[in-house]
mmCIF file of all heavy atoms, coordinates in Angstrom:
data_MODEL
# 
_entry.id   MODEL 
# 
loop_
_atom_site.group_PDB 
_atom_site.id 
_atom_site.type_symbol 
_atom_site.label_atom_id 
_atom_site.label_alt_id 
_atom_site.label_comp_id 
_atom_site.label_asym_id 
_atom_site.label_entity_id 
_atom_site.label_seq_id 
_atom_site.pdbx_PDB_ins_code 
_atom_site.Cartn_x 
_atom_site.Cartn_y 
_atom_site.Cartn_z 
_atom_site.occupancy 
_atom_site.B_iso_or_equiv 
_atom_site.pdbx_formal_charge 
_atom_site.auth_seq_id 
_atom_site.auth_comp_id 
_atom_site.auth_asym_id 
_atom_site.auth_atom_id 
_atom_site.pdbx_PDB_model_num 
ATOM 1   N N   . LEU A 1 1  ? -8.545  12.407  -2.479 1.00 0.00 ? 1  LEU A N   1 
ATOM 2   C CA  . LEU A 1 1  ? -7.392  11.894  -1.665 1.00 0.00 ? 1  LEU A CA  1 
ATOM 3   C C   . LEU A 1 1  ? -6.549  12.995  -1.137 1.00 0.00 ? 1  LEU A C   1 
ATOM 4   O O   . LEU A 1 1  ? -6.027  12.926  -0.003 1.00 0.00 ? 1  LEU A O   1 
ATOM 5   C CB  . LEU A 1 1  ? -6.556  10.967  -2.575 1.00 0.00 ? 1  LEU A CB  1 
ATOM 6   C CG  . LEU A 1 1  ? -7.147  9.508   -2.777 1.00 0.00 ? 1  LEU A CG  1 
ATOM 7   C CD1 . LEU A 1 1  ? -6.219  8.714   -3.644 1.00 0.00 ? 1  LEU A CD1 1 
ATOM 8   C CD2 . LEU A 1 1  ? -7.510  8.884   -1.458 1.00 0.00 ? 1  LEU A CD2 1 
ATOM 9   N N   . VAL A 1 2  ? -6.437  13.995  -1.952 1.00 0.00 ? 2  VAL A N   1 
ATOM 10  C CA  . VAL A 1 2  ? -5.628  15.229  -1.419 1.00 0.00 ? 2  VAL A CA  1 
ATOM 11  C C   . VAL A 1 2  ? -6.281  15.805  -0.151 1.00 0.00 ? 2  VAL A C   1 
ATOM 12  O O   . VAL A 1 2  ? -5.548  16.171  0.762  1.00 0.00 ? 2  VAL A O   1 
ATOM 13  C CB  . VAL A 1 2  ? -5.503  16.264  -2.549 1.00 0.00 ? 2  VAL A CB  1 
ATOM 14  C CG1 . VAL A 1 2  ? -4.904  17.562  -2.005 1.00 0.00 ? 2  VAL A CG1 1 
ATOM 15  C CG2 . VAL A 1 2  ? -4.621  15.815  -3.688 1.00 0.00 ? 2  VAL A CG2 1 
ATOM 16  N N   . ASP A 1 3  ? -7.595  15.806  -0.157 1.00 0.00 ? 3  ASP A N   1 
ATOM 17  C CA  . ASP A 1 3  ? -8.318  16.472  0.893  1.00 0.00 ? 3  ASP A CA  1 
ATOM 18  C C   . ASP A 1 3  ? -8.641  15.556  2.109  1.00 0.00 ? 3  ASP A C   1 
ATOM 19  O O   . ASP A 1 3  ? -9.111  16.104  3.138  1.00 0.00 ? 3  ASP A O   1 
ATOM 20  C CB  . ASP A 1 3  ? -9.662  17.026  0.309  1.00 0.00 ? 3  ASP A CB  1 
ATOM 21  C CG  . ASP A 1 3  ? -9.451  18.219  -0.600 1.00 0.00 ? 3  ASP A CG  1 
ATOM 22  O OD1 . ASP A 1 3  ? -8.412  18.842  -0.546 1.00 0.00 ? 3  ASP A OD1 1 
ATOM 23  O OD2 . ASP A 1 3  ? -10.342 18.404  -1.415 1.00 0.00 ? 3  ASP A OD2 1 
ATOM 24  N N   . ASP A 1 4  ? -8.406  14.274  2.018  1.00 0.00 ? 4  ASP A N   1 
ATOM 25  C CA  . ASP A 1 4  ? -8.751  13.426  3.072  1.00 0.00 ? 4  ASP A CA  1 
ATOM 26  C C   . ASP A 1 4  ? -7.582  12.600  3.593  1.00 0.00 ? 4  ASP A C   1 
ATOM 27  O O   . ASP A 1 4  ? -7.307  11.414  3.166  1.00 0.00 ? 4  ASP A O   1 
ATOM 28  C CB  . ASP A 1 4  ? -9.860  12.415  2.501  1.00 0.00 ? 4  ASP A CB  1 
ATOM 29  C CG  . ASP A 1 4  ? -10.493 11.544  3.657  1.00 0.00 ? 4  ASP A CG  1 
ATOM 30  O OD1 . ASP A 1 4  ? -9.929  11.445  4.743  1.00 0.00 ? 4  ASP A OD1 1 
ATOM 31  O OD2 . ASP A 1 4  ? -11.593 11.017  3.422  1.00 0.00 ? 4  ASP A OD2 1 
ATOM 32  N N   . ASP A 1 5  ? -6.881  13.150  4.560  1.00 0.00 ? 5  ASP A N   1 
ATOM 33  C CA  . ASP A 1 5  ? -5.677  12.498  5.064  1.00 0.00 ? 5  ASP A CA  1 
ATOM 34  C C   . ASP A 1 5  ? -5.925  11.147  5.656  1.00 0.00 ? 5  ASP A C   1 
ATOM 35  O O   . ASP A 1 5  ? -5.207  10.234  5.432  1.00 0.00 ? 5  ASP A O   1 
ATOM 36  C CB  . ASP A 1 5  ? -5.066  13.471  6.150  1.00 0.00 ? 5  ASP A CB  1 
ATOM 37  C CG  . ASP A 1 5  ? -3.693  12.986  6.625  1.00 0.00 ? 5  ASP A CG  1 
ATOM 38  O OD1 . ASP A 1 5  ? -2.859  12.799  5.793  1.00 0.00 ? 5  ASP A OD1 1 
ATOM 39  O OD2 . ASP A 1 5  ? -3.552  12.739  7.813  1.00 0.00 ? 5  ASP A OD2 1 
ATOM 40  N N   . ARG A 1 6  ? -7.084  10.954  6.335  1.00 0.00 ? 6  ARG A N   1 
ATOM 41  C CA  . ARG A 1 6  ? -7.314  9.735   6.981  1.00 0.00 ? 6  ARG A CA  1 
ATOM 42  C C   . ARG A 1 6  ? -7.497  8.602   5.929  1.00 0.00 ? 6  ARG A C   1 
ATOM 43  O O   . ARG A 1 6  ? -6.967  7.511   6.088  1.00 0.00 ? 6  ARG A O   1 
ATOM 44  C CB  . ARG A 1 6  ? -8.617  9.821   7.819  1.00 0.00 ? 6  ARG A CB  1 
ATOM 45  C CG  . ARG A 1 6  ? -8.963  8.601   8.548  1.00 0.00 ? 6  ARG A CG  1 
ATOM 46  C CD  . ARG A 1 6  ? -10.052 8.932   9.534  1.00 0.00 ? 6  ARG A CD  1 
ATOM 47  N NE  . ARG A 1 6  ? -10.636 7.698   10.018 1.00 0.00 ? 6  ARG A NE  1 
ATOM 48  C CZ  . ARG A 1 6  ? -11.714 7.593   10.746 1.00 0.00 ? 6  ARG A CZ  1 
ATOM 49  N NH1 . ARG A 1 6  ? -12.345 8.675   11.033 1.00 0.00 ? 6  ARG A NH1 1 
ATOM 50  N NH2 . ARG A 1 6  ? -12.203 6.479   11.175 1.00 0.00 ? 6  ARG A NH2 1 
ATOM 51  N N   . ARG A 1 7  ? -8.279  8.895   4.896  1.00 0.00 ? 7  ARG A N   1 
ATOM 52  C CA  . ARG A 1 7  ? -8.513  7.902   3.818  1.00 0.00 ? 7  ARG A CA  1 
ATOM 53  C C   . ARG A 1 7  ? -7.152  7.627   3.091  1.00 0.00 ? 7  ARG A C   1 
ATOM 54  O O   . ARG A 1 7  ? -6.886  6.512   2.754  1.00 0.00 ? 7  ARG A O   1 
ATOM 55  C CB  . ARG A 1 7  ? -9.510  8.404   2.862  1.00 0.00 ? 7  ARG A CB  1 
ATOM 56  C CG  . ARG A 1 7  ? -9.831  7.393   1.737  1.00 0.00 ? 7  ARG A CG  1 
ATOM 57  C CD  . ARG A 1 7  ? -11.102 7.775   0.945  1.00 0.00 ? 7  ARG A CD  1 
ATOM 58  N NE  . ARG A 1 7  ? -11.383 6.799   0.005  1.00 0.00 ? 7  ARG A NE  1 
ATOM 59  C CZ  . ARG A 1 7  ? -11.514 7.059   -1.314 1.00 0.00 ? 7  ARG A CZ  1 
ATOM 60  N NH1 . ARG A 1 7  ? -11.447 8.297   -1.732 1.00 0.00 ? 7  ARG A NH1 1 
ATOM 61  N NH2 . ARG A 1 7  ? -11.825 6.083   -2.155 1.00 0.00 ? 7  ARG A NH2 1 
ATOM 62  N N   . ARG A 1 8  ? -6.408  8.672   2.842  1.00 0.00 ? 8  ARG A N   1 
ATOM 63  C CA  . ARG A 1 8  ? -5.120  8.475   2.175  1.00 0.00 ? 8  ARG A CA  1 
ATOM 64  C C   . ARG A 1 8  ? -4.219  7.567   2.934  1.00 0.00 ? 8  ARG A C   1 
ATOM 65  O O   . ARG A 1 8  ? -3.526  6.715   2.367  1.00 0.00 ? 8  ARG A O   1 
ATOM 66  C CB  . ARG A 1 8  ? -4.534  9.901   1.889  1.00 0.00 ? 8  ARG A CB  1 
ATOM 67  C CG  . ARG A 1 8  ? -3.352  9.864   0.892  1.00 0.00 ? 8  ARG A CG  1 
ATOM 68  C CD  . ARG A 1 8  ? -2.878  11.196  0.538  1.00 0.00 ? 8  ARG A CD  1 
ATOM 69  N NE  . ARG A 1 8  ? -2.499  12.058  1.767  1.00 0.00 ? 8  ARG A NE  1 
ATOM 70  C CZ  . ARG A 1 8  ? -3.205  13.026  2.216  1.00 0.00 ? 8  ARG A CZ  1 
ATOM 71  N NH1 . ARG A 1 8  ? -4.309  13.469  1.626  1.00 0.00 ? 8  ARG A NH1 1 
ATOM 72  N NH2 . ARG A 1 8  ? -2.751  13.721  3.258  1.00 0.00 ? 8  ARG A NH2 1 
ATOM 73  N N   . ARG A 1 9  ? -4.177  7.791   4.214  1.00 0.00 ? 9  ARG A N   1 
ATOM 74  C CA  . ARG A 1 9  ? -3.351  6.927   5.066  1.00 0.00 ? 9  ARG A CA  1 
ATOM 75  C C   . ARG A 1 9  ? -3.832  5.419   5.082  1.00 0.00 ? 9  ARG A C   1 
ATOM 76  O O   . ARG A 1 9  ? -3.036  4.508   5.052  1.00 0.00 ? 9  ARG A O   1 
ATOM 77  C CB  . ARG A 1 9  ? -3.240  7.426   6.510  1.00 0.00 ? 9  ARG A CB  1 
ATOM 78  C CG  . ARG A 1 9  ? -2.458  8.718   6.563  1.00 0.00 ? 9  ARG A CG  1 
ATOM 79  C CD  . ARG A 1 9  ? -2.427  9.182   8.021  1.00 0.00 ? 9  ARG A CD  1 
ATOM 80  N NE  . ARG A 1 9  ? -1.894  10.528  8.216  1.00 0.00 ? 9  ARG A NE  1 
ATOM 81  C CZ  . ARG A 1 9  ? -0.560  10.713  8.396  1.00 0.00 ? 9  ARG A CZ  1 
ATOM 82  N NH1 . ARG A 1 9  ? 0.220   9.744   8.479  1.00 0.00 ? 9  ARG A NH1 1 
ATOM 83  N NH2 . ARG A 1 9  ? -0.129  11.930  8.452  1.00 0.00 ? 9  ARG A NH2 1 
ATOM 84  N N   . SER A 1 10 ? -5.158  5.276   5.089  1.00 0.00 ? 10 SER A N   1 
ATOM 85  C CA  . SER A 1 10 ? -5.704  3.944   5.061  1.00 0.00 ? 10 SER A CA  1 
ATOM 86  C C   . SER A 1 10 ? -5.349  3.199   3.792  1.00 0.00 ? 10 SER A C   1 
ATOM 87  O O   . SER A 1 10 ? -4.951  2.012   3.718  1.00 0.00 ? 10 SER A O   1 
ATOM 88  C CB  . SER A 1 10 ? -7.220  4.026   5.241  1.00 0.00 ? 10 SER A CB  1 
ATOM 89  O OG  . SER A 1 10 ? -7.774  2.723   5.021  1.00 0.00 ? 10 SER A OG  1 
ATOM 90  N N   . LEU A 1 11 ? -5.451  3.924   2.653  1.00 0.00 ? 11 LEU A N   1 
ATOM 91  C CA  . LEU A 1 11 ? -5.175  3.356   1.365  1.00 0.00 ? 11 LEU A CA  1 
ATOM 92  C C   . LEU A 1 11 ? -3.635  3.122   1.208  1.00 0.00 ? 11 LEU A C   1 
ATOM 93  O O   . LEU A 1 11 ? -3.202  2.172   0.540  1.00 0.00 ? 11 LEU A O   1 
ATOM 94  C CB  . LEU A 1 11 ? -5.641  4.289   0.189  1.00 0.00 ? 11 LEU A CB  1 
ATOM 95  C CG  . LEU A 1 11 ? -7.129  4.426   0.017  1.00 0.00 ? 11 LEU A CG  1 
ATOM 96  C CD1 . LEU A 1 11 ? -7.499  5.422   -1.056 1.00 0.00 ? 11 LEU A CD1 1 
ATOM 97  C CD2 . LEU A 1 11 ? -7.782  3.106   -0.227 1.00 0.00 ? 11 LEU A CD2 1 
ATOM 98  N N   . ALA A 1 12 ? -2.820  3.938   1.858  1.00 0.00 ? 12 ALA A N   1 
ATOM 99  C CA  . ALA A 1 12 ? -1.435  3.832   1.883  1.00 0.00 ? 12 ALA A CA  1 
ATOM 100 C C   . ALA A 1 12 ? -1.034  2.474   2.504  1.00 0.00 ? 12 ALA A C   1 
ATOM 101 O O   . ALA A 1 12 ? -0.086  1.802   1.988  1.00 0.00 ? 12 ALA A O   1 
ATOM 102 C CB  . ALA A 1 12 ? -0.740  5.004   2.551  1.00 0.00 ? 12 ALA A CB  1 
ATOM 103 N N   . ALA A 1 13 ? -1.728  2.109   3.637  1.00 0.00 ? 13 ALA A N   1 
ATOM 104 C CA  . ALA A 1 13 ? -1.386  0.879   4.280  1.00 0.00 ? 13 ALA A CA  1 
ATOM 105 C C   . ALA A 1 13 ? -1.686  -0.298  3.369  1.00 0.00 ? 13 ALA A C   1 
ATOM 106 O O   . ALA A 1 13 ? -0.875  -1.268  3.264  1.00 0.00 ? 13 ALA A O   1 
ATOM 107 C CB  . ALA A 1 13 ? -2.242  0.730   5.573  1.00 0.00 ? 13 ALA A CB  1 
ATOM 108 N N   . GLY A 1 14 ? -2.799  -0.281  2.581  1.00 0.00 ? 14 GLY A N   1 
ATOM 109 C CA  . GLY A 1 14 ? -3.113  -1.326  1.635  1.00 0.00 ? 14 GLY A CA  1 
ATOM 110 C C   . GLY A 1 14 ? -2.138  -1.334  0.492  1.00 0.00 ? 14 GLY A C   1 
ATOM 111 O O   . GLY A 1 14 ? -1.783  -2.396  0.047  1.00 0.00 ? 14 GLY A O   1 
ATOM 112 N N   . ALA A 1 15 ? -1.698  -0.132  0.144  1.00 0.00 ? 15 ALA A N   1 
ATOM 113 C CA  . ALA A 1 15 ? -0.705  -0.110  -0.992 1.00 0.00 ? 15 ALA A CA  1 
ATOM 114 C C   . ALA A 1 15 ? 0.663   -0.775  -0.554 1.00 0.00 ? 15 ALA A C   1 
ATOM 115 O O   . ALA A 1 15 ? 1.252   -1.509  -1.327 1.00 0.00 ? 15 ALA A O   1 
ATOM 116 C CB  . ALA A 1 15 ? -0.410  1.327   -1.382 1.00 0.00 ? 15 ALA A CB  1 
ATOM 117 N N   . LEU A 1 16 ? 1.086   -0.602  0.697  1.00 0.00 ? 16 LEU A N   1 
ATOM 118 C CA  . LEU A 1 16 ? 2.262   -1.216  1.179  1.00 0.00 ? 16 LEU A CA  1 
ATOM 119 C C   . LEU A 1 16 ? 2.072   -2.749  1.205  1.00 0.00 ? 16 LEU A C   1 
ATOM 120 O O   . LEU A 1 16 ? 2.971   -3.458  0.802  1.00 0.00 ? 16 LEU A O   1 
ATOM 121 C CB  . LEU A 1 16 ? 2.549   -0.619  2.589  1.00 0.00 ? 16 LEU A CB  1 
ATOM 122 C CG  . LEU A 1 16 ? 3.191   0.719   2.651  1.00 0.00 ? 16 LEU A CG  1 
ATOM 123 C CD1 . LEU A 1 16 ? 3.199   1.245   4.061  1.00 0.00 ? 16 LEU A CD1 1 
ATOM 124 C CD2 . LEU A 1 16 ? 4.591   0.760   2.016  1.00 0.00 ? 16 LEU A CD2 1 
ATOM 125 N N   . GLU A 1 17 ? 0.920   -3.218  1.647  1.00 0.00 ? 17 GLU A N   1 
ATOM 126 C CA  . GLU A 1 17 ? 0.714   -4.607  1.645  1.00 0.00 ? 17 GLU A CA  1 
ATOM 127 C C   . GLU A 1 17 ? 0.693   -5.250  0.278  1.00 0.00 ? 17 GLU A C   1 
ATOM 128 O O   . GLU A 1 17 ? 1.224   -6.297  0.044  1.00 0.00 ? 17 GLU A O   1 
ATOM 129 C CB  . GLU A 1 17 ? -0.658  -4.966  2.280  1.00 0.00 ? 17 GLU A CB  1 
ATOM 130 C CG  . GLU A 1 17 ? -0.619  -5.074  3.792  1.00 0.00 ? 17 GLU A CG  1 
ATOM 131 C CD  . GLU A 1 17 ? -1.837  -5.638  4.397  1.00 0.00 ? 17 GLU A CD  1 
ATOM 132 O OE1 . GLU A 1 17 ? -2.487  -6.496  3.813  1.00 0.00 ? 17 GLU A OE1 1 
ATOM 133 O OE2 . GLU A 1 17 ? -2.266  -5.023  5.377  1.00 0.00 ? 17 GLU A OE2 1 
ATOM 134 N N   . THR A 1 18 ? 0.131   -4.526  -0.659 1.00 0.00 ? 18 THR A N   1 
ATOM 135 C CA  . THR A 1 18 ? 0.124   -4.967  -2.155 1.00 0.00 ? 18 THR A CA  1 
ATOM 136 C C   . THR A 1 18 ? 1.530   -5.049  -2.613 1.00 0.00 ? 18 THR A C   1 
ATOM 137 O O   . THR A 1 18 ? 1.906   -6.095  -3.256 1.00 0.00 ? 18 THR A O   1 
ATOM 138 C CB  . THR A 1 18 ? -0.680  -4.050  -2.975 1.00 0.00 ? 18 THR A CB  1 
ATOM 139 O OG1 . THR A 1 18 ? -2.055  -3.981  -2.518 1.00 0.00 ? 18 THR A OG1 1 
ATOM 140 C CG2 . THR A 1 18 ? -0.672  -4.462  -4.411 1.00 0.00 ? 18 THR A CG2 1 
ATOM 141 N N   . ALA A 1 19 ? 2.370   -4.074  -2.341 1.00 0.00 ? 19 ALA A N   1 
ATOM 142 C CA  . ALA A 1 19 ? 3.664   -4.112  -2.837 1.00 0.00 ? 19 ALA A CA  1 
ATOM 143 C C   . ALA A 1 19 ? 4.405   -5.250  -2.214 1.00 0.00 ? 19 ALA A C   1 
ATOM 144 O O   . ALA A 1 19 ? 5.327   -5.848  -2.920 1.00 0.00 ? 19 ALA A O   1 
ATOM 145 C CB  . ALA A 1 19 ? 4.389   -2.711  -2.491 1.00 0.00 ? 19 ALA A CB  1 
ATOM 146 N N   . THR A 1 20 ? 4.205   -5.547  -0.961 1.00 0.00 ? 20 THR A N   1 
ATOM 147 C CA  . THR A 1 20 ? 4.897   -6.610  -0.327 1.00 0.00 ? 20 THR A CA  1 
ATOM 148 C C   . THR A 1 20 ? 4.669   -7.968  -1.045 1.00 0.00 ? 20 THR A C   1 
ATOM 149 O O   . THR A 1 20 ? 5.520   -8.796  -1.147 1.00 0.00 ? 20 THR A O   1 
ATOM 150 C CB  . THR A 1 20 ? 4.470   -6.692  1.084  1.00 0.00 ? 20 THR A CB  1 
ATOM 151 O OG1 . THR A 1 20 ? 4.802   -5.442  1.815  1.00 0.00 ? 20 THR A OG1 1 
ATOM 152 C CG2 . THR A 1 20 ? 5.176   -7.925  1.870  1.00 0.00 ? 20 THR A CG2 1 
ATOM 153 N N   . GLY A 1 21 ? 3.430   -8.116  -1.529 1.00 0.00 ? 21 GLY A N   1 
ATOM 154 C CA  . GLY A 1 21 ? 3.057   -9.331  -2.236 1.00 0.00 ? 21 GLY A CA  1 
ATOM 155 C C   . GLY A 1 21 ? 3.840   -9.503  -3.547 1.00 0.00 ? 21 GLY A C   1 
ATOM 156 O O   . GLY A 1 21 ? 3.818   -10.542 -4.211 1.00 0.00 ? 21 GLY A O   1 
ATOM 157 N N   . HIS A 1 22 ? 4.395   -8.404  -4.042 1.00 0.00 ? 22 HIS A N   1 
ATOM 158 C CA  . HIS A 1 22 ? 5.107   -8.403  -5.353 1.00 0.00 ? 22 HIS A CA  1 
ATOM 159 C C   . HIS A 1 22 ? 6.685   -8.215  -5.108 1.00 0.00 ? 22 HIS A C   1 
ATOM 160 O O   . HIS A 1 22 ? 7.409   -7.958  -6.075 1.00 0.00 ? 22 HIS A O   1 
ATOM 161 C CB  . HIS A 1 22 ? 4.553   -7.323  -6.208 1.00 0.00 ? 22 HIS A CB  1 
ATOM 162 C CG  . HIS A 1 22 ? 3.223   -7.512  -6.679 1.00 0.00 ? 22 HIS A CG  1 
ATOM 163 N ND1 . HIS A 1 22 ? 2.852   -8.397  -7.719 1.00 0.00 ? 22 HIS A ND1 1 
ATOM 164 C CD2 . HIS A 1 22 ? 2.035   -7.035  -6.200 1.00 0.00 ? 22 HIS A CD2 1 
ATOM 165 C CE1 . HIS A 1 22 ? 1.535   -8.436  -7.787 1.00 0.00 ? 22 HIS A CE1 1 
ATOM 166 N NE2 . HIS A 1 22 ? 1.041   -7.583  -7.021 1.00 0.00 ? 22 HIS A NE2 1 
ATOM 167 N N   . ALA A 1 23 ? 7.127   -8.322  -3.884 1.00 0.00 ? 23 ALA A N   1 
ATOM 168 C CA  . ALA A 1 23 ? 8.507   -8.201  -3.606 1.00 0.00 ? 23 ALA A CA  1 
ATOM 169 C C   . ALA A 1 23 ? 9.279   -9.346  -4.207 1.00 0.00 ? 23 ALA A C   1 
ATOM 170 O O   . ALA A 1 23 ? 8.839   -10.410 -4.437 1.00 0.00 ? 23 ALA A O   1 
ATOM 171 C CB  . ALA A 1 23 ? 8.747   -8.159  -2.144 1.00 0.00 ? 23 ALA A CB  1 
ATOM 172 N N   . ALA A 1 24 ? 10.541  -9.115  -4.512 1.00 0.00 ? 24 ALA A N   1 
ATOM 173 C CA  . ALA A 1 24 ? 11.473  -10.153 -5.098 1.00 0.00 ? 24 ALA A CA  1 
ATOM 174 C C   . ALA A 1 24 ? 11.370  -11.483 -4.404 1.00 0.00 ? 24 ALA A C   1 
ATOM 175 O O   . ALA A 1 24 ? 11.267  -12.467 -5.126 1.00 0.00 ? 24 ALA A O   1 
ATOM 176 C CB  . ALA A 1 24 ? 12.858  -9.565  -5.197 1.00 0.00 ? 24 ALA A CB  1 
ATOM 177 N N   . ALA A 1 25 ? 11.400  -11.494 -3.171 1.00 0.00 ? 25 ALA A N   1 
ATOM 178 C CA  . ALA A 1 25 ? 11.442  -12.748 -2.419 1.00 0.00 ? 25 ALA A CA  1 
ATOM 179 C C   . ALA A 1 25 ? 10.129  -13.454 -2.635 1.00 0.00 ? 25 ALA A C   1 
ATOM 180 O O   . ALA A 1 25 ? 10.179  -14.711 -2.796 1.00 0.00 ? 25 ALA A O   1 
ATOM 181 C CB  . ALA A 1 25 ? 11.686  -12.538 -0.886 1.00 0.00 ? 25 ALA A CB  1 
ATOM 182 N N   . GLU A 1 26 ? 9.037   -12.777 -2.633 1.00 0.00 ? 26 GLU A N   1 
ATOM 183 C CA  . GLU A 1 26 ? 7.711   -13.394 -2.819 1.00 0.00 ? 26 GLU A CA  1 
ATOM 184 C C   . GLU A 1 26 ? 7.533   -13.947 -4.195 1.00 0.00 ? 26 GLU A C   1 
ATOM 185 O O   . GLU A 1 26 ? 7.156   -15.053 -4.362 1.00 0.00 ? 26 GLU A O   1 
ATOM 186 C CB  . GLU A 1 26 ? 6.633   -12.337 -2.488 1.00 0.00 ? 26 GLU A CB  1 
ATOM 187 C CG  . GLU A 1 26 ? 5.205   -12.875 -2.687 1.00 0.00 ? 26 GLU A CG  1 
ATOM 188 C CD  . GLU A 1 26 ? 4.837   -13.934 -1.643 1.00 0.00 ? 26 GLU A CD  1 
ATOM 189 O OE1 . GLU A 1 26 ? 5.397   -13.932 -0.528 1.00 0.00 ? 26 GLU A OE1 1 
ATOM 190 O OE2 . GLU A 1 26 ? 3.974   -14.809 -2.026 1.00 0.00 ? 26 GLU A OE2 1 
ATOM 191 N N   . VAL A 1 27 ? 7.930   -13.135 -5.143 1.00 0.00 ? 27 VAL A N   1 
ATOM 192 C CA  . VAL A 1 27 ? 7.756   -13.571 -6.572 1.00 0.00 ? 27 VAL A CA  1 
ATOM 193 C C   . VAL A 1 27 ? 8.737   -14.757 -6.858 1.00 0.00 ? 27 VAL A C   1 
ATOM 194 O O   . VAL A 1 27 ? 8.338   -15.671 -7.525 1.00 0.00 ? 27 VAL A O   1 
ATOM 195 C CB  . VAL A 1 27 ? 8.080   -12.429 -7.531 1.00 0.00 ? 27 VAL A CB  1 
ATOM 196 C CG1 . VAL A 1 27 ? 8.122   -12.816 -8.986 1.00 0.00 ? 27 VAL A CG1 1 
ATOM 197 C CG2 . VAL A 1 27 ? 7.022   -11.313 -7.320 1.00 0.00 ? 27 VAL A CG2 1 
ATOM 198 N N   . SER A 1 28 ? 9.948   -14.716 -6.345 1.00 0.00 ? 28 SER A N   1 
ATOM 199 C CA  . SER A 1 28 ? 10.869  -15.821 -6.621 1.00 0.00 ? 28 SER A CA  1 
ATOM 200 C C   . SER A 1 28 ? 10.344  -17.100 -5.932 1.00 0.00 ? 28 SER A C   1 
ATOM 201 O O   . SER A 1 28 ? 10.544  -18.194 -6.524 1.00 0.00 ? 28 SER A O   1 
ATOM 202 C CB  . SER A 1 28 ? 12.218  -15.516 -6.169 1.00 0.00 ? 28 SER A CB  1 
ATOM 203 O OG  . SER A 1 28 ? 12.327  -15.298 -4.779 1.00 0.00 ? 28 SER A OG  1 
# 
């Protein structure tokens, strides 16, 4: 991941989506 900026950015987008699904408004 350190060496692959493109893959890291792609996974980062998925990470943001995952976090959105656990946001306070979604959980409540």
